[in-house]
Amino acid sequence: MLLPQLLIVSADRAVEGDFLHFAKGLELNKQLAHVFFDECHVAVTDTSYRAKLRELWQLRYLQCRFTCLTATLLITLKSVLRANLLLEHAQLYRQSTIRPIIRYRVIDCHSQDPWEMAKPLIR
């Protein structure tokens, strides 16, 4: 079976049994090389109103490389993040999201199909 090279899952879904079971199966079959956790600060900052995020430490059961990405984690919360995700000895990198060659804009497509409006912009 041909598997996708990249899977994207939201943080609150990543700790549900179905996804953890799926990911563990990939790991056991040596098909899981790396987990990237984008916006990892949510494991600390959003747990008061998104209770599922308190369970993100379960991702550490996956035996593969694990990279946490954040641009907004307060320096004072680094140790809390490490403790919450069981990453006591991990190196954390905080990088700015400012990129001089990347720009975005918001276009209201009203009733037009968003994909049809986006195609010429992508080209």
PDB file of N, CA and C in Angstrom:
ATOM      1  N   MET A   1       0.844  -1.174   0.000  1.00  0.00           N
ATOM      2  CA  MET A   1       0.000   0.000   0.000  1.00  0.00           C
ATOM      3  C   MET A   1       0.894   1.243   0.000  1.00  0.00           C
ATOM      4  N   LEU A   2       0.611   2.153  -0.895  1.00  0.00           N
ATOM      5  CA  LEU A   2       1.367   3.391  -0.990  1.00  0.00           C
ATOM      6  C   LEU A   2       0.831   4.384   0.022  1.00  0.00           C
ATOM      7  N   LEU A   3       1.680   4.848   0.905  1.00  0.00           N
ATOM      8  CA  LEU A   3       1.280   5.798   1.939  1.00  0.00           C
ATOM      9  C   LEU A   3       1.694   7.207   1.557  1.00  0.00           C
ATOM     10  N   PRO A   4       0.959   8.197   2.036  1.00  0.00           N
ATOM     11  CA  PRO A   4       1.344   9.581   1.754  1.00  0.00           C
ATOM     12  C   PRO A   4       2.674   9.909   2.427  1.00  0.00           C
ATOM     13  N   GLN A   5       3.402  10.831   1.832  1.00  0.00           N
ATOM     14  CA  GLN A   5       4.680  11.252   2.393  1.00  0.00           C
ATOM     15  C   GLN A   5       4.498  12.165   3.598  1.00  0.00           C
ATOM     16  N   LEU A   6       3.362  12.837   3.666  1.00  0.00           N
ATOM     17  CA  LEU A   6       3.118  13.806   4.725  1.00  0.00           C
ATOM     18  C   LEU A   6       1.675  13.696   5.172  1.00  0.00           C
ATOM     19  N   LEU A   7       1.477  13.577   6.466  1.00  0.00           N
ATOM     20  CA  LEU A   7       0.140  13.588   7.053  1.00  0.00           C
ATOM     21  C   LEU A   7       0.019  14.827   7.914  1.00  0.00           C
ATOM     22  N   ILE A   8      -1.113  15.494   7.839  1.00  0.00           N
ATOM     23  CA  ILE A   8      -1.353  16.665   8.672  1.00  0.00           C
ATOM     24  C   ILE A   8      -2.568  16.374   9.524  1.00  0.00           C
ATOM     25  N   VAL A   9      -2.423  16.583  10.818  1.00  0.00           N
ATOM     26  CA  VAL A   9      -3.523  16.335  11.750  1.00  0.00           C
ATOM     27  C   VAL A   9      -3.543  17.458  12.774  1.00  0.00           C
ATOM     28  N   SER A  10      -4.729  17.882  13.168  1.00  0.00           N
ATOM     29  CA  SER A  10      -4.826  18.943  14.171  1.00  0.00           C
ATOM     30  C   SER A  10      -4.419  18.387  15.531  1.00  0.00           C
ATOM     31  N   ALA A  11      -3.938  19.252  16.391  1.00  0.00           N
ATOM     32  CA  ALA A  11      -3.409  18.830  17.696  1.00  0.00           C
ATOM     33  C   ALA A  11      -4.462  18.103  18.520  1.00  0.00           C
ATOM     34  N   ASP A  12      -5.694  18.588  18.510  1.00  0.00           N
ATOM     35  CA  ASP A  12      -6.721  17.931  19.324  1.00  0.00           C
ATOM     36  C   ASP A  12      -7.098  16.559  18.768  1.00  0.00           C
ATOM     37  N   ARG A  13      -6.961  16.343  17.473  1.00  0.00           N
ATOM     38  CA  ARG A  13      -7.244  15.030  16.875  1.00  0.00           C
ATOM     39  C   ARG A  13      -6.050  14.081  17.007  1.00  0.00           C
ATOM     40  N   ALA A  14      -4.858  14.623  17.134  1.00  0.00           N
ATOM     41  CA  ALA A  14      -3.648  13.802  17.194  1.00  0.00           C
ATOM     42  C   ALA A  14      -3.618  12.917  18.431  1.00  0.00           C
ATOM     43  N   VAL A  15      -4.362  13.274  19.463  1.00  0.00           N
ATOM     44  CA  VAL A  15      -4.345  12.482  20.694  1.00  0.00           C
ATOM     45  C   VAL A  15      -5.579  11.589  20.824  1.00  0.00           C
ATOM     46  N   GLU A  16      -6.378  11.522  19.775  1.00  0.00           N
ATOM     47  CA  GLU A  16      -7.518  10.604  19.796  1.00  0.00           C
ATOM     48  C   GLU A  16      -7.027   9.195  19.487  1.00  0.00           C
ATOM     49  N   GLY A  17      -7.711   8.232  20.028  1.00  0.00           N
ATOM     50  CA  GLY A  17      -7.299   6.837  19.902  1.00  0.00           C
ATOM     51  C   GLY A  17      -7.097   6.378  18.477  1.00  0.00           C
ATOM     52  N   ASP A  18      -7.997   6.753  17.577  1.00  0.00           N
ATOM     53  CA  ASP A  18      -7.879   6.305  16.185  1.00  0.00           C
ATOM     54  C   ASP A  18      -6.579   6.768  15.547  1.00  0.00           C
ATOM     55  N   PHE A  19      -6.248   8.039  15.730  1.00  0.00           N
ATOM     56  CA  PHE A  19      -5.021   8.539  15.107  1.00  0.00           C
ATOM     57  C   PHE A  19      -3.789   7.955  15.786  1.00  0.00           C
ATOM     58  N   LEU A  20      -3.776   7.891  17.107  1.00  0.00           N
ATOM     59  CA  LEU A  20      -2.618   7.323  17.806  1.00  0.00           C
ATOM     60  C   LEU A  20      -2.398   5.874  17.391  1.00  0.00           C
ATOM     61  N   HIS A  21      -3.472   5.128  17.244  1.00  0.00           N
ATOM     62  CA  HIS A  21      -3.363   3.729  16.808  1.00  0.00           C
ATOM     63  C   HIS A  21      -2.781   3.657  15.394  1.00  0.00           C
ATOM     64  N   PHE A  22      -3.275   4.525  14.512  1.00  0.00           N
ATOM     65  CA  PHE A  22      -2.776   4.582  13.137  1.00  0.00           C
ATOM     66  C   PHE A  22      -1.284   4.933  13.113  1.00  0.00           C
ATOM     67  N   ALA A  23      -0.906   5.971  13.870  1.00  0.00           N
ATOM     68  CA  ALA A  23       0.491   6.417  13.896  1.00  0.00           C
ATOM     69  C   ALA A  23       1.396   5.338  14.497  1.00  0.00           C
ATOM     70  N   LYS A  24       0.927   4.665  15.541  1.00  0.00           N
ATOM     71  CA  LYS A  24       1.728   3.593  16.147  1.00  0.00           C
ATOM     72  C   LYS A  24       1.927   2.459  15.148  1.00  0.00           C
ATOM     73  N   GLY A  25       0.905   2.166  14.352  1.00  0.00           N
ATOM     74  CA  GLY A  25       1.038   1.143  13.304  1.00  0.00           C
ATOM     75  C   GLY A  25       2.087   1.526  12.277  1.00  0.00           C
ATOM     76  N   LEU A  26       2.095   2.805  11.892  1.00  0.00           N
ATOM     77  CA  LEU A  26       3.131   3.278  10.967  1.00  0.00           C
ATOM     78  C   LEU A  26       4.515   3.112  11.583  1.00  0.00           C
ATOM     79  N   GLU A  27       4.621   3.468  12.854  1.00  0.00           N
ATOM     80  CA  GLU A  27       5.918   3.341  13.535  1.00  0.00           C
ATOM     81  C   GLU A  27       6.378   1.888  13.572  1.00  0.00           C
ATOM     82  N   LEU A  28       5.489   0.996  13.961  1.00  0.00           N
ATOM     83  CA  LEU A  28       5.850  -0.420  14.066  1.00  0.00           C
ATOM     84  C   LEU A  28       6.246  -1.015  12.718  1.00  0.00           C
ATOM     85  N   ASN A  29       5.685  -0.484  11.646  1.00  0.00           N
ATOM     86  CA  ASN A  29       6.028  -0.941  10.296  1.00  0.00           C
ATOM     87  C   ASN A  29       7.183  -0.152   9.685  1.00  0.00           C
ATOM     88  N   LYS A  30       7.837   0.644  10.530  1.00  0.00           N
ATOM     89  CA  LYS A  30       8.979   1.461  10.110  1.00  0.00           C
ATOM     90  C   LYS A  30       8.613   2.405   8.963  1.00  0.00           C
ATOM     91  N   GLN A  31       7.412   2.961   9.039  1.00  0.00           N
ATOM     92  CA  GLN A  31       6.935   3.895   8.034  1.00  0.00           C
ATOM     93  C   GLN A  31       6.732   5.300   8.598  1.00  0.00           C
ATOM     94  N   LEU A  32       7.130   5.501   9.846  1.00  0.00           N
ATOM     95  CA  LEU A  32       7.012   6.812  10.480  1.00  0.00           C
ATOM     96  C   LEU A  32       8.413   7.282  10.853  1.00  0.00           C
ATOM     97  N   ALA A  33       8.874   8.313  10.179  1.00  0.00           N
ATOM     98  CA  ALA A  33      10.242   8.778  10.400  1.00  0.00           C
ATOM     99  C   ALA A  33      10.314   9.981  11.329  1.00  0.00           C
ATOM    100  N   HIS A  34       9.295  10.812  11.318  1.00  0.00           N
ATOM    101  CA  HIS A  34       9.424  12.100  12.001  1.00  0.00           C
ATOM    102  C   HIS A  34       8.040  12.659  12.305  1.00  0.00           C
ATOM    103  N   VAL A  35       7.888  13.268  13.462  1.00  0.00           N
ATOM    104  CA  VAL A  35       6.674  14.009  13.806  1.00  0.00           C
ATOM    105  C   VAL A  35       7.069  15.465  13.971  1.00  0.00           C
ATOM    106  N   PHE A  36       6.393  16.331  13.247  1.00  0.00           N
ATOM    107  CA  PHE A  36       6.559  17.775  13.408  1.00  0.00           C
ATOM    108  C   PHE A  36       5.317  18.295  14.100  1.00  0.00           C
ATOM    109  N   PHE A  37       5.515  19.047  15.145  1.00  0.00           N
ATOM    110  CA  PHE A  37       4.394  19.602  15.904  1.00  0.00           C
ATOM    111  C   PHE A  37       4.439  21.112  15.728  1.00  0.00           C
ATOM    112  N   ASP A  38       3.668  21.611  14.783  1.00  0.00           N
ATOM    113  CA  ASP A  38       3.625  23.047  14.509  1.00  0.00           C
ATOM    114  C   ASP A  38       2.759  23.736  15.562  1.00  0.00           C
ATOM    115  N   GLU A  39       3.127  24.959  15.891  1.00  0.00           N
ATOM    116  CA  GLU A  39       2.405  25.735  16.910  1.00  0.00           C
ATOM    117  C   GLU A  39       2.361  24.970  18.233  1.00  0.00           C
ATOM    118  N   CYS A  40       3.488  24.384  18.608  1.00  0.00           N
ATOM    119  CA  CYS A  40       3.542  23.522  19.792  1.00  0.00           C
ATOM    120  C   CYS A  40       3.198  24.246  21.084  1.00  0.00           C
ATOM    121  N   HIS A  41       3.261  25.558  21.085  1.00  0.00           N
ATOM    122  CA  HIS A  41       2.935  26.306  22.296  1.00  0.00           C
ATOM    123  C   HIS A  41       1.495  26.062  22.756  1.00  0.00           C
ATOM    124  N   VAL A  42       0.614  25.577  21.859  1.00  0.00           N
ATOM    125  CA  VAL A  42      -0.771  25.325  22.266  1.00  0.00           C
ATOM    126  C   VAL A  42      -0.845  24.263  23.362  1.00  0.00           C
ATOM    127  N   ALA A  43       0.186  23.421  23.469  1.00  0.00           N
ATOM    128  CA  ALA A  43       0.214  22.404  24.519  1.00  0.00           C
ATOM    129  C   ALA A  43       0.307  23.031  25.904  1.00  0.00           C
ATOM    130  N   VAL A  44       0.635  24.312  25.942  1.00  0.00           N
ATOM    131  CA  VAL A  44       0.733  25.035  27.207  1.00  0.00           C
ATOM    132  C   VAL A  44      -0.308  26.142  27.281  1.00  0.00           C
ATOM    133  N   THR A  45      -0.471  26.867  26.187  1.00  0.00           N
ATOM    134  CA  THR A  45      -1.259  28.101  26.233  1.00  0.00           C
ATOM    135  C   THR A  45      -2.761  27.915  26.013  1.00  0.00           C
ATOM    136  N   ASP A  46      -3.180  26.835  25.376  1.00  0.00           N
ATOM    137  CA  ASP A  46      -4.593  26.693  25.027  1.00  0.00           C
ATOM    138  C   ASP A  46      -5.321  25.605  25.807  1.00  0.00           C
ATOM    139  N   THR A  47      -4.709  25.049  26.818  1.00  0.00           N
ATOM    140  CA  THR A  47      -5.301  23.908  27.512  1.00  0.00           C
ATOM    141  C   THR A  47      -6.486  24.280  28.393  1.00  0.00           C
ATOM    142  N   SER A  48      -6.641  25.546  28.736  1.00  0.00           N
ATOM    143  CA  SER A  48      -7.763  25.919  29.601  1.00  0.00           C
ATOM    144  C   SER A  48      -9.096  25.804  28.868  1.00  0.00           C
ATOM    145  N   TYR A  49      -9.115  25.996  27.570  1.00  0.00           N
ATOM    146  CA  TYR A  49     -10.378  25.885  26.848  1.00  0.00           C
ATOM    147  C   TYR A  49     -10.365  24.779  25.792  1.00  0.00           C
ATOM    148  N   ARG A  50      -9.249  24.094  25.605  1.00  0.00           N
ATOM    149  CA  ARG A  50      -9.173  22.935  24.711  1.00  0.00           C
ATOM    150  C   ARG A  50      -8.530  21.792  25.494  1.00  0.00           C
ATOM    151  N   ALA A  51      -9.355  21.138  26.297  1.00  0.00           N
ATOM    152  CA  ALA A  51      -8.857  20.133  27.247  1.00  0.00           C
ATOM    153  C   ALA A  51      -8.049  19.030  26.580  1.00  0.00           C
ATOM    154  N   LYS A  52      -8.387  18.660  25.347  1.00  0.00           N
ATOM    155  CA  LYS A  52      -7.655  17.592  24.646  1.00  0.00           C
ATOM    156  C   LYS A  52      -6.166  17.903  24.550  1.00  0.00           C
ATOM    157  N   LEU A  53      -5.808  19.182  24.506  1.00  0.00           N
ATOM    158  CA  LEU A  53      -4.408  19.552  24.346  1.00  0.00           C
ATOM    159  C   LEU A  53      -3.571  19.169  25.564  1.00  0.00           C
ATOM    160  N   ARG A  54      -4.215  18.900  26.682  1.00  0.00           N
ATOM    161  CA  ARG A  54      -3.479  18.437  27.871  1.00  0.00           C
ATOM    162  C   ARG A  54      -2.923  17.034  27.664  1.00  0.00           C
ATOM    163  N   GLU A  55      -3.389  16.344  26.631  1.00  0.00           N
ATOM    164  CA  GLU A  55      -2.984  14.962  26.375  1.00  0.00           C
ATOM    165  C   GLU A  55      -1.905  14.843  25.301  1.00  0.00           C
ATOM    166  N   LEU A  56      -1.379  15.950  24.831  1.00  0.00           N
ATOM    167  CA  LEU A  56      -0.404  15.907  23.741  1.00  0.00           C
ATOM    168  C   LEU A  56       0.881  15.174  24.106  1.00  0.00           C
ATOM    169  N   TRP A  57       1.161  15.012  25.369  1.00  0.00           N
ATOM    170  CA  TRP A  57       2.349  14.266  25.781  1.00  0.00           C
ATOM    171  C   TRP A  57       2.314  12.831  25.240  1.00  0.00           C
ATOM    172  N   GLN A  58       1.113  12.322  24.919  1.00  0.00           N
ATOM    173  CA  GLN A  58       0.996  10.957  24.413  1.00  0.00           C
ATOM    174  C   GLN A  58       1.738  10.752  23.093  1.00  0.00           C
ATOM    175  N   LEU A  59       1.958  11.828  22.357  1.00  0.00           N
ATOM    176  CA  LEU A  59       2.698  11.715  21.099  1.00  0.00           C
ATOM    177  C   LEU A  59       4.125  11.221  21.326  1.00  0.00           C
ATOM    178  N   ARG A  60       4.640  11.383  22.527  1.00  0.00           N
ATOM    179  CA  ARG A  60       6.003  10.940  22.825  1.00  0.00           C
ATOM    180  C   ARG A  60       6.125   9.430  22.869  1.00  0.00           C
ATOM    181  N   TYR A  61       4.994   8.718  22.895  1.00  0.00           N
ATOM    182  CA  TYR A  61       5.044   7.258  22.818  1.00  0.00           C
ATOM    183  C   TYR A  61       5.497   6.794  21.445  1.00  0.00           C
ATOM    184  N   LEU A  62       5.406   7.660  20.451  1.00  0.00           N
ATOM    185  CA  LEU A  62       5.852   7.310  19.104  1.00  0.00           C
ATOM    186  C   LEU A  62       7.374   7.388  19.067  1.00  0.00           C
ATOM    187  N   GLN A  63       8.019   6.310  18.734  1.00  0.00           N
ATOM    188  CA  GLN A  63       9.471   6.234  18.738  1.00  0.00           C
ATOM    189  C   GLN A  63      10.023   6.710  17.396  1.00  0.00           C
ATOM    190  N   CYS A  64      10.116   8.026  17.257  1.00  0.00           N
ATOM    191  CA  CYS A  64      10.664   8.622  16.051  1.00  0.00           C
ATOM    192  C   CYS A  64      11.151  10.028  16.417  1.00  0.00           C
ATOM    193  N   ARG A  65      11.792  10.668  15.465  1.00  0.00           N
ATOM    194  CA  ARG A  65      12.230  12.049  15.698  1.00  0.00           C
ATOM    195  C   ARG A  65      11.007  12.914  15.938  1.00  0.00           C
ATOM    196  N   PHE A  66      11.162  13.912  16.783  1.00  0.00           N
ATOM    197  CA  PHE A  66      10.045  14.763  17.192  1.00  0.00           C
ATOM    198  C   PHE A  66      10.533  16.201  17.194  1.00  0.00           C
ATOM    199  N   THR A  67       9.933  17.040  16.370  1.00  0.00           N
ATOM    200  CA  THR A  67      10.339  18.437  16.274  1.00  0.00           C
ATOM    201  C   THR A  67       9.155  19.333  16.602  1.00  0.00           C
ATOM    202  N   CYS A  68       9.363  20.228  17.544  1.00  0.00           N
ATOM    203  CA  CYS A  68       8.340  21.198  17.926  1.00  0.00           C
ATOM    204  C   CYS A  68       8.675  22.542  17.294  1.00  0.00           C
ATOM    205  N   LEU A  69       7.680  23.162  16.691  1.00  0.00           N
ATOM    206  CA  LEU A  69       7.868  24.446  16.024  1.00  0.00           C
ATOM    207  C   LEU A  69       6.981  25.502  16.680  1.00  0.00           C
ATOM    208  N   THR A  70       7.557  26.659  16.972  1.00  0.00           N
ATOM    209  CA  THR A  70       6.781  27.770  17.508  1.00  0.00           C
ATOM    210  C   THR A  70       7.533  29.065  17.262  1.00  0.00           C
ATOM    211  N   ALA A  71       6.790  30.122  17.077  1.00  0.00           N
ATOM    212  CA  ALA A  71       7.399  31.451  16.967  1.00  0.00           C
ATOM    213  C   ALA A  71       6.929  32.336  18.110  1.00  0.00           C
ATOM    214  N   THR A  72       5.971  31.856  18.890  1.00  0.00           N
ATOM    215  CA  THR A  72       5.350  32.733  19.878  1.00  0.00           C
ATOM    216  C   THR A  72       5.425  32.227  21.314  1.00  0.00           C
ATOM    217  N   LEU A  73       6.092  31.116  21.553  1.00  0.00           N
ATOM    218  CA  LEU A  73       6.204  30.618  22.925  1.00  0.00           C
ATOM    219  C   LEU A  73       7.030  31.583  23.762  1.00  0.00           C
ATOM    220  N   LEU A  74       6.472  32.001  24.888  1.00  0.00           N
ATOM    221  CA  LEU A  74       7.229  32.861  25.791  1.00  0.00           C
ATOM    222  C   LEU A  74       8.420  32.088  26.345  1.00  0.00           C
ATOM    223  N   ILE A  75       9.556  32.752  26.429  1.00  0.00           N
ATOM    224  CA  ILE A  75      10.766  32.095  26.925  1.00  0.00           C
ATOM    225  C   ILE A  75      10.536  31.509  28.312  1.00  0.00           C
ATOM    226  N   THR A  76       9.747  32.195  29.114  1.00  0.00           N
ATOM    227  CA  THR A  76       9.486  31.723  30.483  1.00  0.00           C
ATOM    228  C   THR A  76       8.669  30.434  30.506  1.00  0.00           C
ATOM    229  N   LEU A  77       8.055  30.061  29.383  1.00  0.00           N
ATOM    230  CA  LEU A  77       7.240  28.838  29.328  1.00  0.00           C
ATOM    231  C   LEU A  77       7.974  27.655  28.711  1.00  0.00           C
ATOM    232  N   LYS A  78       9.256  27.829  28.364  1.00  0.00           N
ATOM    233  CA  LYS A  78      10.002  26.718  27.761  1.00  0.00           C
ATOM    234  C   LYS A  78      10.026  25.488  28.661  1.00  0.00           C
ATOM    235  N   SER A  79      10.298  25.684  29.941  1.00  0.00           N
ATOM    236  CA  SER A  79      10.372  24.532  30.851  1.00  0.00           C
ATOM    237  C   SER A  79       9.008  23.885  31.034  1.00  0.00           C
ATOM    238  N   VAL A  80       7.955  24.663  30.998  1.00  0.00           N
ATOM    239  CA  VAL A  80       6.599  24.121  31.116  1.00  0.00           C
ATOM    240  C   VAL A  80       6.276  23.280  29.881  1.00  0.00           C
ATOM    241  N   LEU A  81       6.639  23.770  28.702  1.00  0.00           N
ATOM    242  CA  LEU A  81       6.413  23.014  27.472  1.00  0.00           C
ATOM    243  C   LEU A  81       7.190  21.700  27.506  1.00  0.00           C
ATOM    244  N   ARG A  82       8.438  21.771  27.905  1.00  0.00           N
ATOM    245  CA  ARG A  82       9.254  20.547  27.992  1.00  0.00           C
ATOM    246  C   ARG A  82       8.605  19.522  28.920  1.00  0.00           C
ATOM    247  N   ALA A  83       8.141  19.988  30.078  1.00  0.00           N
ATOM    248  CA  ALA A  83       7.523  19.078  31.052  1.00  0.00           C
ATOM    249  C   ALA A  83       6.207  18.518  30.519  1.00  0.00           C
ATOM    250  N   ASN A  84       5.387  19.357  29.897  1.00  0.00           N
ATOM    251  CA  ASN A  84       4.083  18.909  29.399  1.00  0.00           C
ATOM    252  C   ASN A  84       4.204  17.906  28.260  1.00  0.00           C
ATOM    253  N   LEU A  85       5.228  18.020  27.433  1.00  0.00           N
ATOM    254  CA  LEU A  85       5.397  17.124  26.292  1.00  0.00           C
ATOM    255  C   LEU A  85       6.454  16.052  26.521  1.00  0.00           C
ATOM    256  N   LEU A  86       6.954  15.962  27.757  1.00  0.00           N
ATOM    257  CA  LEU A  86       7.994  14.980  28.099  1.00  0.00           C
ATOM    258  C   LEU A  86       9.236  15.168  27.239  1.00  0.00           C
ATOM    259  N   LEU A  87       9.661  16.401  27.104  1.00  0.00           N
ATOM    260  CA  LEU A  87      10.815  16.759  26.277  1.00  0.00           C
ATOM    261  C   LEU A  87      11.903  17.425  27.127  1.00  0.00           C
ATOM    262  N   GLU A  88      12.178  16.881  28.281  1.00  0.00           N
ATOM    263  CA  GLU A  88      13.081  17.537  29.225  1.00  0.00           C
ATOM    264  C   GLU A  88      14.431  17.922  28.630  1.00  0.00           C
ATOM    265  N   HIS A  89      14.990  17.079  27.777  1.00  0.00           N
ATOM    266  CA  HIS A  89      16.336  17.329  27.254  1.00  0.00           C
ATOM    267  C   HIS A  89      16.341  17.801  25.803  1.00  0.00           C
ATOM    268  N   ALA A  90      15.191  18.127  25.293  1.00  0.00           N
ATOM    269  CA  ALA A  90      15.106  18.540  23.887  1.00  0.00           C
ATOM    270  C   ALA A  90      15.604  19.969  23.712  1.00  0.00           C
ATOM    271  N   GLN A  91      16.208  20.206  22.577  1.00  0.00           N
ATOM    272  CA  GLN A  91      16.602  21.565  22.194  1.00  0.00           C
ATOM    273  C   GLN A  91      15.383  22.233  21.571  1.00  0.00           C
ATOM    274  N   LEU A  92      15.034  23.395  22.059  1.00  0.00           N
ATOM    275  CA  LEU A  92      13.899  24.129  21.505  1.00  0.00           C
ATOM    276  C   LEU A  92      14.419  25.314  20.714  1.00  0.00           C
ATOM    277  N   TYR A  93      13.856  25.488  19.533  1.00  0.00           N
ATOM    278  CA  TYR A  93      14.223  26.611  18.679  1.00  0.00           C
ATOM    279  C   TYR A  93      13.010  27.505  18.508  1.00  0.00           C
ATOM    280  N   ARG A  94      13.193  28.761  18.779  1.00  0.00           N
ATOM    281  CA  ARG A  94      12.146  29.750  18.552  1.00  0.00           C
ATOM    282  C   ARG A  94      12.609  30.618  17.396  1.00  0.00           C
ATOM    283  N   GLN A  95      11.809  30.693  16.352  1.00  0.00           N
ATOM    284  CA  GLN A  95      12.185  31.474  15.178  1.00  0.00           C
ATOM    285  C   GLN A  95      11.065  32.440  14.831  1.00  0.00           C
ATOM    286  N   SER A  96      11.439  33.556  14.315  1.00  0.00           N
ATOM    287  CA  SER A  96      10.467  34.544  13.866  1.00  0.00           C
ATOM    288  C   SER A  96       9.724  34.023  12.644  1.00  0.00           C
ATOM    289  N   THR A  97       8.488  34.438  12.497  1.00  0.00           N
ATOM    290  CA  THR A  97       7.699  34.054  11.331  1.00  0.00           C
ATOM    291  C   THR A  97       7.843  35.065  10.198  1.00  0.00           C
ATOM    292  N   ILE A  98       8.601  36.108  10.415  1.00  0.00           N
ATOM    293  CA  ILE A  98       8.764  37.142   9.389  1.00  0.00           C
ATOM    294  C   ILE A  98       9.701  36.626   8.302  1.00  0.00           C
ATOM    295  N   ARG A  99       9.210  36.598   7.074  1.00  0.00           N
ATOM    296  CA  ARG A  99       9.992  36.173   5.928  1.00  0.00           C
ATOM    297  C   ARG A  99       9.838  37.233   4.853  1.00  0.00           C
ATOM    298  N   PRO A 100      10.925  37.871   4.442  1.00  0.00           N
ATOM    299  CA  PRO A 100      10.812  38.980   3.487  1.00  0.00           C
ATOM    300  C   PRO A 100      10.319  38.569   2.100  1.00  0.00           C
ATOM    301  N   ILE A 101      10.416  37.292   1.758  1.00  0.00           N
ATOM    302  CA  ILE A 101      10.000  36.880   0.408  1.00  0.00           C
ATOM    303  C   ILE A 101       8.601  36.262   0.386  1.00  0.00           C
ATOM    304  N   ILE A 102       7.923  36.237   1.534  1.00  0.00           N
ATOM    305  CA  ILE A 102       6.581  35.668   1.595  1.00  0.00           C
ATOM    306  C   ILE A 102       5.594  36.767   1.961  1.00  0.00           C
ATOM    307  N   ARG A 103       4.541  36.853   1.169  1.00  0.00           N
ATOM    308  CA  ARG A 103       3.476  37.811   1.451  1.00  0.00           C
ATOM    309  C   ARG A 103       2.138  37.099   1.307  1.00  0.00           C
ATOM    310  N   TYR A 104       1.139  37.638   1.940  1.00  0.00           N
ATOM    311  CA  TYR A 104      -0.197  37.102   1.763  1.00  0.00           C
ATOM    312  C   TYR A 104      -1.195  38.243   1.722  1.00  0.00           C
ATOM    313  N   ARG A 105      -2.348  37.935   1.188  1.00  0.00           N
ATOM    314  CA  ARG A 105      -3.441  38.896   1.191  1.00  0.00           C
ATOM    315  C   ARG A 105      -4.743  38.113   1.280  1.00  0.00           C
ATOM    316  N   VAL A 106      -5.755  38.768   1.768  1.00  0.00           N
ATOM    317  CA  VAL A 106      -7.072  38.154   1.906  1.00  0.00           C
ATOM    318  C   VAL A 106      -7.963  38.718   0.818  1.00  0.00           C
ATOM    319  N   ILE A 107      -8.607  37.822   0.078  1.00  0.00           N
ATOM    320  CA  ILE A 107      -9.512  38.221  -0.989  1.00  0.00           C
ATOM    321  C   ILE A 107     -10.873  37.601  -0.703  1.00  0.00           C
ATOM    322  N   ASP A 108     -11.880  38.418  -0.637  1.00  0.00           N
ATOM    323  CA  ASP A 108     -13.236  37.920  -0.430  1.00  0.00           C
ATOM    324  C   ASP A 108     -13.775  37.447  -1.769  1.00  0.00           C
ATOM    325  N   CYS A 109     -14.096  36.174  -1.880  1.00  0.00           N
ATOM    326  CA  CYS A 109     -14.562  35.638  -3.155  1.00  0.00           C
ATOM    327  C   CYS A 109     -16.088  35.668  -3.263  1.00  0.00           C
ATOM    328  N   HIS A 110     -16.744  36.240  -2.264  1.00  0.00           N
ATOM    329  CA  HIS A 110     -18.207  36.377  -2.263  1.00  0.00           C
ATOM    330  C   HIS A 110     -18.850  35.038  -2.601  1.00  0.00           C
ATOM    331  N   SER A 111     -19.602  34.953  -3.648  1.00  0.00           N
ATOM    332  CA  SER A 111     -20.290  33.703  -3.977  1.00  0.00           C
ATOM    333  C   SER A 111     -19.518  32.864  -4.990  1.00  0.00           C
ATOM    334  N   GLN A 112     -18.396  33.364  -5.469  1.00  0.00           N
ATOM    335  CA  GLN A 112     -17.595  32.616  -6.446  1.00  0.00           C
ATOM    336  C   GLN A 112     -16.903  31.440  -5.753  1.00  0.00           C
ATOM    337  N   ASP A 113     -16.711  30.355  -6.494  1.00  0.00           N
ATOM    338  CA  ASP A 113     -16.016  29.188  -5.984  1.00  0.00           C
ATOM    339  C   ASP A 113     -14.579  29.582  -5.605  1.00  0.00           C
ATOM    340  N   PRO A 114     -14.157  29.371  -4.351  1.00  0.00           N
ATOM    341  CA  PRO A 114     -12.804  29.777  -3.922  1.00  0.00           C
ATOM    342  C   PRO A 114     -11.702  29.166  -4.781  1.00  0.00           C
ATOM    343  N   TRP A 115     -11.858  27.900  -5.190  1.00  0.00           N
ATOM    344  CA  TRP A 115     -10.822  27.255  -5.998  1.00  0.00           C
ATOM    345  C   TRP A 115     -10.694  27.931  -7.357  1.00  0.00           C
ATOM    346  N   GLU A 116     -11.823  28.260  -7.977  1.00  0.00           N
ATOM    347  CA  GLU A 116     -11.786  28.915  -9.279  1.00  0.00           C
ATOM    348  C   GLU A 116     -11.139  30.289  -9.177  1.00  0.00           C
ATOM    349  N   MET A 117     -11.336  30.963  -8.079  1.00  0.00           N
ATOM    350  CA  MET A 117     -10.724  32.269  -7.887  1.00  0.00           C
ATOM    351  C   MET A 117      -9.221  32.132  -7.602  1.00  0.00           C
ATOM    352  N   ALA A 118      -8.842  31.046  -6.941  1.00  0.00           N
ATOM    353  CA  ALA A 118      -7.437  30.875  -6.547  1.00  0.00           C
ATOM    354  C   ALA A 118      -6.542  30.423  -7.704  1.00  0.00           C
ATOM    355  N   LYS A 119      -7.080  29.649  -8.642  1.00  0.00           N
ATOM    356  CA  LYS A 119      -6.250  29.096  -9.721  1.00  0.00           C
ATOM    357  C   LYS A 119      -5.425  30.147 -10.467  1.00  0.00           C
ATOM    358  N   PRO A 120      -6.022  31.261 -10.917  1.00  0.00           N
ATOM    359  CA  PRO A 120      -5.194  32.253 -11.619  1.00  0.00           C
ATOM    360  C   PRO A 120      -4.143  32.903 -10.706  1.00  0.00           C
ATOM    361  N   LEU A 121      -4.445  33.011  -9.427  1.00  0.00           N
ATOM    362  CA  LEU A 121      -3.487  33.605  -8.494  1.00  0.00           C
ATOM    363  C   LEU A 121      -2.295  32.673  -8.282  1.00  0.00           C
ATOM    364  N   ILE A 122      -2.567  31.388  -8.262  1.00  0.00           N
ATOM    365  CA  ILE A 122      -1.499  30.402  -8.076  1.00  0.00           C
ATOM    366  C   ILE A 122      -0.563  30.382  -9.275  1.00  0.00           C
ATOM    367  N   ARG A 123      -1.159  30.503 -10.462  1.00  0.00           N
ATOM    368  CA  ARG A 123      -0.344  30.500 -11.683  1.00  0.00           C
ATOM    369  C   ARG A 123       0.578  31.689 -11.699  1.00  0.00           C
TER     370      ARG A 123
END
